[in-house]
Amino acid sequence: MDRRKFLIGAAATSLLARAGPALASTPITYWHHFTSQTEFSALQKVVDLFKSRFPDIALQPENIPNSDYMAKMAAAVVASAQPDTAMIEPDRLADLIAMKALVDITDRFAKWDGRENYPGARISSLSVGDRVYGVPSFAFIDWSYYRTDYFEQAGLDGPPKTMDAVLTACKKLTDPSKGRYAFGLRGGAGGFNYLISVMEAFGSPVFRDGKPAMDRQAAIDAVTFYSDIFLKLKAAPPSAPSDGYRQTMEGFRSGQTAMLWHHTGSYNEVAASLQPGKQFGTAMMPAGPKALVARVSYAGNGIVKSANADAAWEWVKFWGEKDASIILLKETGYFPASTAALQDERIAANPLYQPAVKTLDIGTPLPSFVGYAAWAEKTVNPAFQSVLTQQSTPTEAVDTMIKGLEAIFH
């Protein structure tokens, strides 16, 4: 071998030796519970952007169905087979910490230059005391959709601002002969979220200062009010007792219903079927006799396994940056959690987003305590369904809820 070839070969070997560590790929797994095609599309775009910026981290997303999420996480922790990082929602935070499924990221968050974009409830929603367990990436903000054209035809000036006004609108907007109902009541899966909000709006919190705090009579009044929309006013479709998200959403999009309570995450889906501002509008949740309760749930991501914590942290904080937030907004309608992202023109210039922006200032998170998720799904939802199907009374349903709640704390 001549000297020139030798030097070239030696240089190449030296370069590869120096480049070796930088090219080494760190694989990390990420569990999420996205379900729709728009969510998968958004996630893929976020992943692609992340990989372009962090080519040395081999990110492996894995979808875990929402209904199986907690059970699979618990089993994975027991078997030491948990993912490196995972999606977190506030109502599951206490349970995840109790099963030792989350790594404390307080110190990492304190050193992150993006921390200033997460004041108050944004970061406290994924914290316990002064300890931080996740970085919010997007917010689910409860609001009301309403058919502007139907309201105009019925002579209603605008969306109801109070629960009493909801009943008035229900009477004017319902016309079974046309297959039209006023309200898309969700009595099936996930319906407990709205029932609990109504109970709080009537003056019955679920718990306070770490103890059960349901006001029995206020809760009975709330369940009576909510179930009367279906049972007495006949203002919800006949399928309401079993309707989940998909059924209530299709009912609104198809023109079957004139009002729907959901959150900002469904905005793009509604806008794909109806003209914003012409056929539908958005509004803040109506106020109850005691309070205006509108949930703001900051979903985010946390580190689950400490082995690859450095790489996992890059992914967790990446979700908290503006670029990822705007991708999600554009693809899914999910509202950014970062205050910096709220300045984006796509939010600031859209009048239909303003009820959500206003709700950020007064919104409250869902209750969060060990056992909440199971109680809400397995006790509250069936109890309310039993009222809608007239298998029990509001009083019996509330007593069942209180008994189940007390069992958790004793």
Protein backbone atom coordinates (compact mmCIF):
# COMPACT_ATOMS: atom_id res chain seq x y z
CA MET A 1 0.00 0.00 0.00
CA ASP A 2 1.45 3.37 -0.95
CA ARG A 3 1.78 6.17 1.57
CA ARG A 4 -1.14 8.23 0.12
CA LYS A 5 -3.62 5.30 0.41
CA PHE A 6 -2.31 4.52 3.87
CA LEU A 7 -2.88 8.09 5.07
CA ILE A 8 -6.37 8.20 3.56
CA GLY A 9 -7.28 4.90 5.21
CA ALA A 10 -5.83 5.98 8.53
CA ALA A 11 -7.72 9.27 8.39
CA ALA A 12 -10.98 7.49 7.59
CA THR A 13 -10.44 5.04 10.44
CA SER A 14 -9.71 7.91 12.80
CA LEU A 15 -12.81 9.80 11.65
CA LEU A 16 -15.05 6.77 12.16
CA ALA A 17 -13.55 6.21 15.57
CA ARG A 18 -14.33 9.79 16.56
CA ALA A 19 -17.81 9.65 14.99
CA GLY A 20 -18.68 6.30 16.55
CA PRO A 21 -20.16 7.53 19.86
CA ALA A 22 -22.15 10.30 18.13
CA LEU A 23 -23.69 7.82 15.72
CA ALA A 24 -24.60 5.35 18.45
CA SER A 25 -28.39 5.20 18.65
CA THR A 26 -30.22 5.30 21.99
CA PRO A 27 -33.57 3.50 21.65
CA ILE A 28 -36.43 4.76 23.81
CA THR A 29 -40.01 3.53 23.88
CA TYR A 30 -42.99 5.87 24.24
CA TRP A 31 -46.47 4.80 25.29
CA HIS A 32 -49.43 6.91 24.20
CA HIS A 33 -53.18 6.43 23.98
CA PHE A 34 -54.04 8.34 20.82
CA THR A 35 -56.81 6.66 18.86
CA SER A 36 -57.95 8.67 15.82
CA GLN A 37 -56.29 8.97 12.43
CA THR A 38 -55.76 12.71 12.97
CA GLU A 39 -53.99 11.97 16.25
CA PHE A 40 -51.77 9.37 14.61
CA SER A 41 -50.98 11.77 11.78
CA ALA A 42 -50.08 14.52 14.24
CA LEU A 43 -47.95 12.18 16.32
CA GLN A 44 -46.04 11.00 13.27
CA LYS A 45 -45.24 14.58 12.27
CA VAL A 46 -44.06 15.38 15.79
CA VAL A 47 -41.94 12.21 15.80
CA ASP A 48 -40.45 13.05 12.40
CA LEU A 49 -39.50 16.53 13.56
CA PHE A 50 -37.99 15.12 16.75
CA LYS A 51 -35.93 12.58 14.82
CA SER A 52 -34.62 15.30 12.49
CA ARG A 53 -33.33 17.19 15.52
CA PHE A 54 -32.20 14.19 17.55
CA PRO A 55 -30.99 11.60 15.04
CA ASP A 56 -29.10 9.74 17.77
CA ILE A 57 -32.30 8.88 19.64
CA ALA A 58 -34.28 5.99 18.16
CA LEU A 59 -37.80 6.78 19.31
CA GLN A 60 -40.30 3.90 19.23
CA PRO A 61 -43.93 5.01 19.80
CA GLU A 62 -46.37 2.35 20.92
CA ASN A 63 -50.13 2.78 21.07
CA ILE A 64 -51.86 1.51 24.20
CA PRO A 65 -55.69 1.72 24.12
CA ASN A 66 -56.97 4.24 26.64
CA SER A 67 -59.21 1.68 28.35
CA ASP A 68 -56.22 -0.64 28.93
CA TYR A 69 -53.63 2.01 29.67
CA MET A 70 -53.51 1.89 33.47
CA ALA A 71 -53.76 -1.90 33.71
CA LYS A 72 -50.95 -2.38 31.19
CA MET A 73 -48.79 0.21 32.93
CA ALA A 74 -49.28 -1.48 36.31
CA ALA A 75 -48.40 -4.87 34.85
CA ALA A 76 -45.36 -3.44 33.07
CA VAL A 77 -44.03 -1.84 36.27
CA VAL A 78 -44.41 -5.10 38.20
CA ALA A 79 -42.58 -6.98 35.44
CA SER A 80 -39.92 -4.23 35.06
CA ALA A 81 -41.02 -3.96 31.42
CA GLN A 82 -42.23 -0.38 31.47
CA PRO A 83 -41.57 2.06 28.60
CA ASP A 84 -38.94 4.78 28.84
CA THR A 85 -41.49 7.57 28.59
CA ALA A 86 -45.26 7.83 28.47
CA MET A 87 -48.28 10.09 28.09
CA ILE A 88 -49.79 11.38 31.35
CA GLU A 89 -53.17 12.88 32.22
CA PRO A 90 -53.79 14.67 35.54
CA ASP A 91 -56.61 12.40 36.71
CA ARG A 92 -54.22 9.44 36.49
CA LEU A 93 -51.21 11.15 38.04
CA ALA A 94 -51.80 10.02 41.62
CA ASP A 95 -52.31 6.41 40.56
CA LEU A 96 -49.20 6.43 38.38
CA ILE A 97 -47.07 7.81 41.20
CA ALA A 98 -48.53 5.31 43.65
CA MET A 99 -47.50 2.42 41.40
CA LYS A 100 -44.03 3.98 41.03
CA ALA A 101 -44.50 4.45 37.30
CA LEU A 102 -43.06 7.96 37.05
CA VAL A 103 -39.60 9.44 37.56
CA ASP A 104 -39.34 12.74 39.44
CA ILE A 105 -38.18 15.37 36.91
CA THR A 106 -38.19 18.39 39.25
CA ASP A 107 -34.48 19.13 38.86
CA ARG A 108 -34.53 18.70 35.09
CA PHE A 109 -37.54 20.99 34.77
CA ALA A 110 -35.92 23.66 36.97
CA LYS A 111 -32.90 23.81 34.64
CA TRP A 112 -34.97 23.88 31.42
CA ASP A 113 -35.17 27.27 29.70
CA GLY A 114 -38.76 26.51 28.61
CA ARG A 115 -40.09 26.29 32.16
CA GLU A 116 -41.33 29.91 32.16
CA ASN A 117 -44.00 28.97 29.60
CA TYR A 118 -45.71 26.74 32.20
CA PRO A 119 -46.91 28.90 35.09
CA GLY A 120 -49.53 28.02 37.67
CA ALA A 121 -51.96 25.23 36.88
CA ARG A 122 -50.06 24.26 33.75
CA ILE A 123 -47.22 22.66 35.68
CA SER A 124 -49.08 22.01 38.95
CA SER A 125 -51.48 19.73 37.05
CA LEU A 126 -48.62 17.28 36.54
CA SER A 127 -47.01 17.88 39.92
CA VAL A 128 -47.54 16.77 43.49
CA GLY A 129 -46.56 19.42 45.98
CA ASP A 130 -43.30 20.86 44.75
CA ARG A 131 -42.32 17.74 42.80
CA VAL A 132 -42.75 17.72 39.02
CA TYR A 133 -43.55 14.49 37.16
CA GLY A 134 -44.43 15.65 33.66
CA VAL A 135 -44.30 18.46 31.12
CA PRO A 136 -47.68 19.46 29.63
CA SER A 137 -47.79 19.25 25.85
CA PHE A 138 -51.40 20.11 25.07
CA ALA A 139 -54.61 21.05 26.83
CA PHE A 140 -58.12 19.68 26.68
CA ILE A 141 -60.36 22.68 27.41
CA ASP A 142 -64.04 21.98 27.98
CA TRP A 143 -66.41 24.15 25.99
CA SER A 144 -69.72 24.00 24.17
CA TYR A 145 -70.40 23.60 20.48
CA TYR A 146 -73.69 24.95 19.18
CA ARG A 147 -75.42 25.11 15.80
CA THR A 148 -75.62 28.81 15.01
CA ASP A 149 -78.13 28.19 12.22
CA TYR A 150 -80.45 26.17 14.48
CA PHE A 151 -80.26 28.80 17.22
CA GLU A 152 -81.16 31.52 14.75
CA GLN A 153 -84.12 29.51 13.45
CA ALA A 154 -85.35 29.00 17.02
CA GLY A 155 -85.07 32.73 17.81
CA LEU A 156 -82.28 32.24 20.35
CA ASP A 157 -79.77 35.08 20.62
CA GLY A 158 -76.79 32.87 21.35
CA PRO A 159 -75.48 29.90 23.30
CA PRO A 160 -76.74 29.40 26.88
CA LYS A 161 -74.58 30.97 29.58
CA THR A 162 -76.29 29.23 32.51
CA MET A 163 -77.73 25.79 33.24
CA ASP A 164 -81.22 27.30 33.37
CA ALA A 165 -80.67 28.72 29.90
CA VAL A 166 -79.64 25.25 28.72
CA LEU A 167 -83.11 23.97 29.68
CA THR A 168 -84.76 26.86 27.85
CA ALA A 169 -82.72 26.15 24.73
CA CYS A 170 -83.53 22.43 24.99
CA LYS A 171 -87.26 23.17 24.86
CA LYS A 172 -86.95 25.41 21.80
CA LEU A 173 -84.48 23.36 19.80
CA THR A 174 -86.00 19.89 20.09
CA ASP A 175 -88.20 18.62 17.26
CA PRO A 176 -88.41 14.80 17.18
CA SER A 177 -90.56 14.95 14.03
CA LYS A 178 -87.47 16.21 12.20
CA GLY A 179 -85.18 13.83 14.04
CA ARG A 180 -83.64 16.86 15.75
CA TYR A 181 -82.67 17.03 19.41
CA ALA A 182 -81.24 19.91 21.37
CA PHE A 183 -78.47 18.22 23.30
CA GLY A 184 -75.94 15.48 22.65
CA LEU A 185 -75.97 13.95 26.12
CA ARG A 186 -73.16 11.47 26.72
CA GLY A 187 -74.43 8.73 29.00
CA GLY A 188 -71.98 6.07 27.83
CA ALA A 189 -68.20 5.76 28.13
CA GLY A 190 -66.55 8.94 29.36
CA GLY A 191 -69.81 10.59 30.29
CA PHE A 192 -68.84 10.81 33.94
CA ASN A 193 -66.56 13.76 33.18
CA TYR A 194 -69.51 16.02 32.42
CA LEU A 195 -71.72 14.68 35.21
CA ILE A 196 -69.00 15.40 37.79
CA SER A 197 -68.62 18.92 36.38
CA VAL A 198 -72.38 19.47 36.66
CA MET A 199 -72.33 18.23 40.27
CA GLU A 200 -69.58 20.71 41.11
CA ALA A 201 -71.47 23.49 39.32
CA PHE A 202 -74.43 22.68 41.61
CA GLY A 203 -72.20 22.89 44.69
CA SER A 204 -71.02 19.33 45.24
CA PRO A 205 -67.23 18.87 45.02
CA VAL A 206 -65.99 15.31 44.90
CA PHE A 207 -63.34 15.76 47.57
CA ARG A 208 -61.60 18.52 49.50
CA ASP A 209 -58.40 18.58 51.57
CA GLY A 210 -57.81 14.92 50.86
CA LYS A 211 -61.25 13.81 52.08
CA PRO A 212 -64.59 12.93 50.42
CA ALA A 213 -66.70 16.08 50.15
CA MET A 214 -69.78 15.25 48.09
CA ASP A 215 -72.81 17.29 49.14
CA ARG A 216 -75.60 14.75 48.89
CA GLN A 217 -78.48 17.12 48.15
CA ALA A 218 -76.51 19.28 45.72
CA ALA A 219 -75.39 16.14 43.88
CA ILE A 220 -78.97 14.85 43.72
CA ASP A 221 -80.11 18.19 42.29
CA ALA A 222 -77.33 18.01 39.69
CA VAL A 223 -78.12 14.46 38.59
CA THR A 224 -81.81 15.35 38.43
CA PHE A 225 -81.12 18.40 36.26
CA TYR A 226 -78.83 16.51 33.90
CA SER A 227 -81.01 13.42 33.53
CA ASP A 228 -84.15 15.52 33.03
CA ILE A 229 -82.74 16.73 29.71
CA PHE A 230 -83.24 13.18 28.47
CA LEU A 231 -86.04 11.80 30.63
CA LYS A 232 -88.44 14.74 30.90
CA LEU A 233 -87.60 17.15 28.11
CA LYS A 234 -86.83 14.37 25.61
CA ALA A 235 -84.16 16.78 24.31
CA ALA A 236 -81.43 14.17 23.78
CA PRO A 237 -81.46 11.30 21.26
CA PRO A 238 -83.01 7.99 22.39
CA SER A 239 -79.54 6.42 22.31
CA ALA A 240 -78.17 8.88 24.91
CA PRO A 241 -77.81 6.36 27.80
CA SER A 242 -75.20 4.41 25.84
CA ASP A 243 -73.74 7.17 23.67
CA GLY A 244 -70.01 7.71 23.94
CA TYR A 245 -67.77 10.18 22.17
CA ARG A 246 -68.24 8.86 18.65
CA GLN A 247 -72.02 8.77 18.87
CA THR A 248 -72.39 12.25 20.34
CA MET A 249 -69.91 13.70 17.88
CA GLU A 250 -71.62 12.16 14.88
CA GLY A 251 -74.95 13.37 16.19
CA PHE A 252 -73.71 16.94 16.23
CA ARG A 253 -71.86 16.76 12.93
CA SER A 254 -74.84 15.23 11.13
CA GLY A 255 -77.32 17.82 12.41
CA GLN A 256 -79.14 15.47 14.79
CA THR A 257 -78.24 17.63 17.81
CA ALA A 258 -77.88 21.38 18.28
CA MET A 259 -75.55 21.48 21.31
CA LEU A 260 -72.63 19.37 22.43
CA TRP A 261 -70.29 19.57 25.40
CA HIS A 262 -66.80 18.41 24.62
CA HIS A 263 -63.33 19.93 24.53
CA THR A 264 -61.11 21.79 22.12
CA GLY A 265 -59.55 18.58 20.86
CA SER A 266 -62.54 17.90 18.63
CA TYR A 267 -62.56 21.31 16.91
CA ASN A 268 -60.95 20.12 13.68
CA GLU A 269 -63.34 17.20 13.42
CA VAL A 270 -66.36 19.48 13.77
CA ALA A 271 -64.90 22.03 11.35
CA ALA A 272 -64.39 19.29 8.76
CA SER A 273 -68.18 18.83 8.55
CA LEU A 274 -69.65 22.21 9.45
CA GLN A 275 -68.68 25.76 8.52
CA PRO A 276 -67.06 27.61 11.43
CA GLY A 277 -69.03 30.72 12.36
CA LYS A 278 -71.84 29.97 9.90
CA GLN A 279 -73.13 26.58 10.93
CA PHE A 280 -71.49 26.20 14.31
CA GLY A 281 -69.98 28.32 17.02
CA THR A 282 -68.13 27.73 20.27
CA ALA A 283 -68.87 29.03 23.76
CA MET A 284 -67.69 28.73 27.33
CA MET A 285 -69.39 26.12 29.47
CA PRO A 286 -72.62 27.33 31.10
CA ALA A 287 -72.55 28.32 34.76
CA GLY A 288 -74.40 26.33 37.39
CA PRO A 289 -76.28 27.68 40.43
CA LYS A 290 -73.07 27.69 42.49
CA ALA A 291 -70.17 27.89 40.04
CA LEU A 292 -68.98 27.91 36.47
CA VAL A 293 -67.05 24.68 36.11
CA ALA A 294 -64.99 24.18 32.97
CA ARG A 295 -62.25 21.60 32.94
CA VAL A 296 -58.80 22.35 31.67
CA SER A 297 -56.79 19.17 31.53
CA TYR A 298 -53.14 19.50 30.61
CA ALA A 299 -52.06 16.21 29.10
CA GLY A 300 -48.34 15.74 28.94
CA ASN A 301 -45.48 13.32 29.06
CA GLY A 302 -43.20 11.96 31.72
CA ILE A 303 -40.22 9.68 32.22
CA VAL A 304 -41.10 6.17 33.32
CA LYS A 305 -37.78 4.36 33.29
CA SER A 306 -34.62 5.91 34.74
CA ALA A 307 -32.21 3.85 32.61
CA ASN A 308 -32.49 6.11 29.54
CA ALA A 309 -33.65 9.21 31.37
CA ASP A 310 -31.44 11.65 29.46
CA ALA A 311 -32.80 10.61 26.07
CA ALA A 312 -36.33 10.36 27.43
CA TRP A 313 -36.06 13.90 28.81
CA GLU A 314 -35.21 15.24 25.35
CA TRP A 315 -38.48 13.77 24.07
CA VAL A 316 -40.54 14.97 27.04
CA LYS A 317 -39.37 18.58 26.82
CA PHE A 318 -39.57 18.56 23.00
CA TRP A 319 -43.33 18.04 23.34
CA GLY A 320 -43.41 21.19 25.44
CA GLU A 321 -41.92 23.40 22.75
CA LYS A 322 -43.92 25.63 20.41
CA ASP A 323 -43.22 23.71 17.19
CA ALA A 324 -44.70 20.45 18.48
CA SER A 325 -47.68 22.33 19.95
CA ILE A 326 -48.54 24.01 16.67
CA ILE A 327 -48.30 20.70 14.78
CA LEU A 328 -50.86 19.22 17.18
CA LEU A 329 -53.12 22.26 16.89
CA LYS A 330 -53.04 22.17 13.10
CA GLU A 331 -53.64 18.43 12.83
CA THR A 332 -56.01 17.77 15.71
CA GLY A 333 -57.21 21.07 17.15
CA TYR A 334 -55.61 20.20 20.51
CA PHE A 335 -54.83 23.44 22.31
CA PRO A 336 -51.22 24.27 23.20
CA ALA A 337 -50.28 24.14 26.85
CA SER A 338 -47.36 26.54 26.44
CA THR A 339 -48.09 30.25 26.91
CA ALA A 340 -45.62 30.99 24.13
CA ALA A 341 -47.65 28.99 21.63
CA LEU A 342 -50.83 30.92 22.45
CA GLN A 343 -49.35 33.94 20.70
CA ASP A 344 -49.43 32.09 17.38
CA GLU A 345 -51.61 33.79 14.77
CA ARG A 346 -53.66 30.64 14.23
CA ILE A 347 -55.01 31.06 17.75
CA ALA A 348 -54.97 34.82 18.28
CA ALA A 349 -56.80 35.57 15.00
CA ASN A 350 -59.49 32.89 15.29
CA PRO A 351 -62.62 34.16 17.17
CA LEU A 352 -63.87 30.61 17.71
CA TYR A 353 -60.80 29.87 19.82
CA GLN A 354 -61.44 32.78 22.20
CA PRO A 355 -63.83 30.90 24.55
CA ALA A 356 -60.98 28.44 25.11
CA VAL A 357 -58.46 31.23 25.75
CA LYS A 358 -60.84 32.77 28.33
CA THR A 359 -61.44 29.40 29.97
CA LEU A 360 -57.71 29.00 30.57
CA ASP A 361 -57.99 31.80 33.15
CA ILE A 362 -60.82 30.21 35.15
CA GLY A 363 -60.71 26.52 34.26
CA THR A 364 -60.24 23.81 36.86
CA PRO A 365 -58.65 20.36 36.54
CA LEU A 366 -60.52 17.13 37.07
CA PRO A 367 -60.24 15.67 40.57
CA SER A 368 -57.13 13.58 41.07
CA PHE A 369 -56.56 11.07 43.84
CA VAL A 370 -55.58 7.44 44.06
CA GLY A 371 -58.53 5.45 42.83
CA TYR A 372 -60.34 8.33 41.11
CA ALA A 373 -60.15 6.93 37.58
CA ALA A 374 -61.65 3.57 38.58
CA TRP A 375 -64.34 5.19 40.75
CA ALA A 376 -65.42 7.57 37.98
CA GLU A 377 -65.55 4.90 35.31
CA LYS A 378 -66.89 1.97 37.30
CA THR A 379 -69.17 3.73 39.79
CA VAL A 380 -70.20 7.18 38.53
CA ASN A 381 -70.85 6.20 34.92
CA PRO A 382 -72.97 3.09 35.67
CA ALA A 383 -74.87 4.95 38.40
CA PHE A 384 -75.83 7.72 35.97
CA GLN A 385 -76.72 5.21 33.25
CA SER A 386 -79.05 3.50 35.71
CA VAL A 387 -80.91 6.81 36.13
CA LEU A 388 -81.15 7.39 32.37
CA THR A 389 -82.57 3.90 31.89
CA GLN A 390 -84.88 4.41 34.90
CA GLN A 391 -83.42 1.53 36.84
CA SER A 392 -82.71 3.85 39.76
CA THR A 393 -83.47 7.36 40.97
CA PRO A 394 -81.02 10.30 41.22
CA THR A 395 -81.02 9.79 44.99
CA GLU A 396 -80.05 6.12 44.69
CA ALA A 397 -77.39 6.94 42.11
CA VAL A 398 -75.80 9.61 44.31
CA ASP A 399 -75.83 7.30 47.34
CA THR A 400 -74.01 4.69 45.24
CA MET A 401 -71.40 7.27 44.22
CA ILE A 402 -70.88 8.44 47.80
CA LYS A 403 -70.55 4.89 49.08
CA GLY A 404 -67.98 4.07 46.41
CA LEU A 405 -66.05 7.25 47.13
CA GLU A 406 -65.93 6.61 50.87
CA ALA A 407 -64.65 3.09 50.23
CA ILE A 408 -61.61 4.55 48.48
CA PHE A 409 -60.70 6.73 51.45
CA HIS A 410 -61.26 4.06 54.08
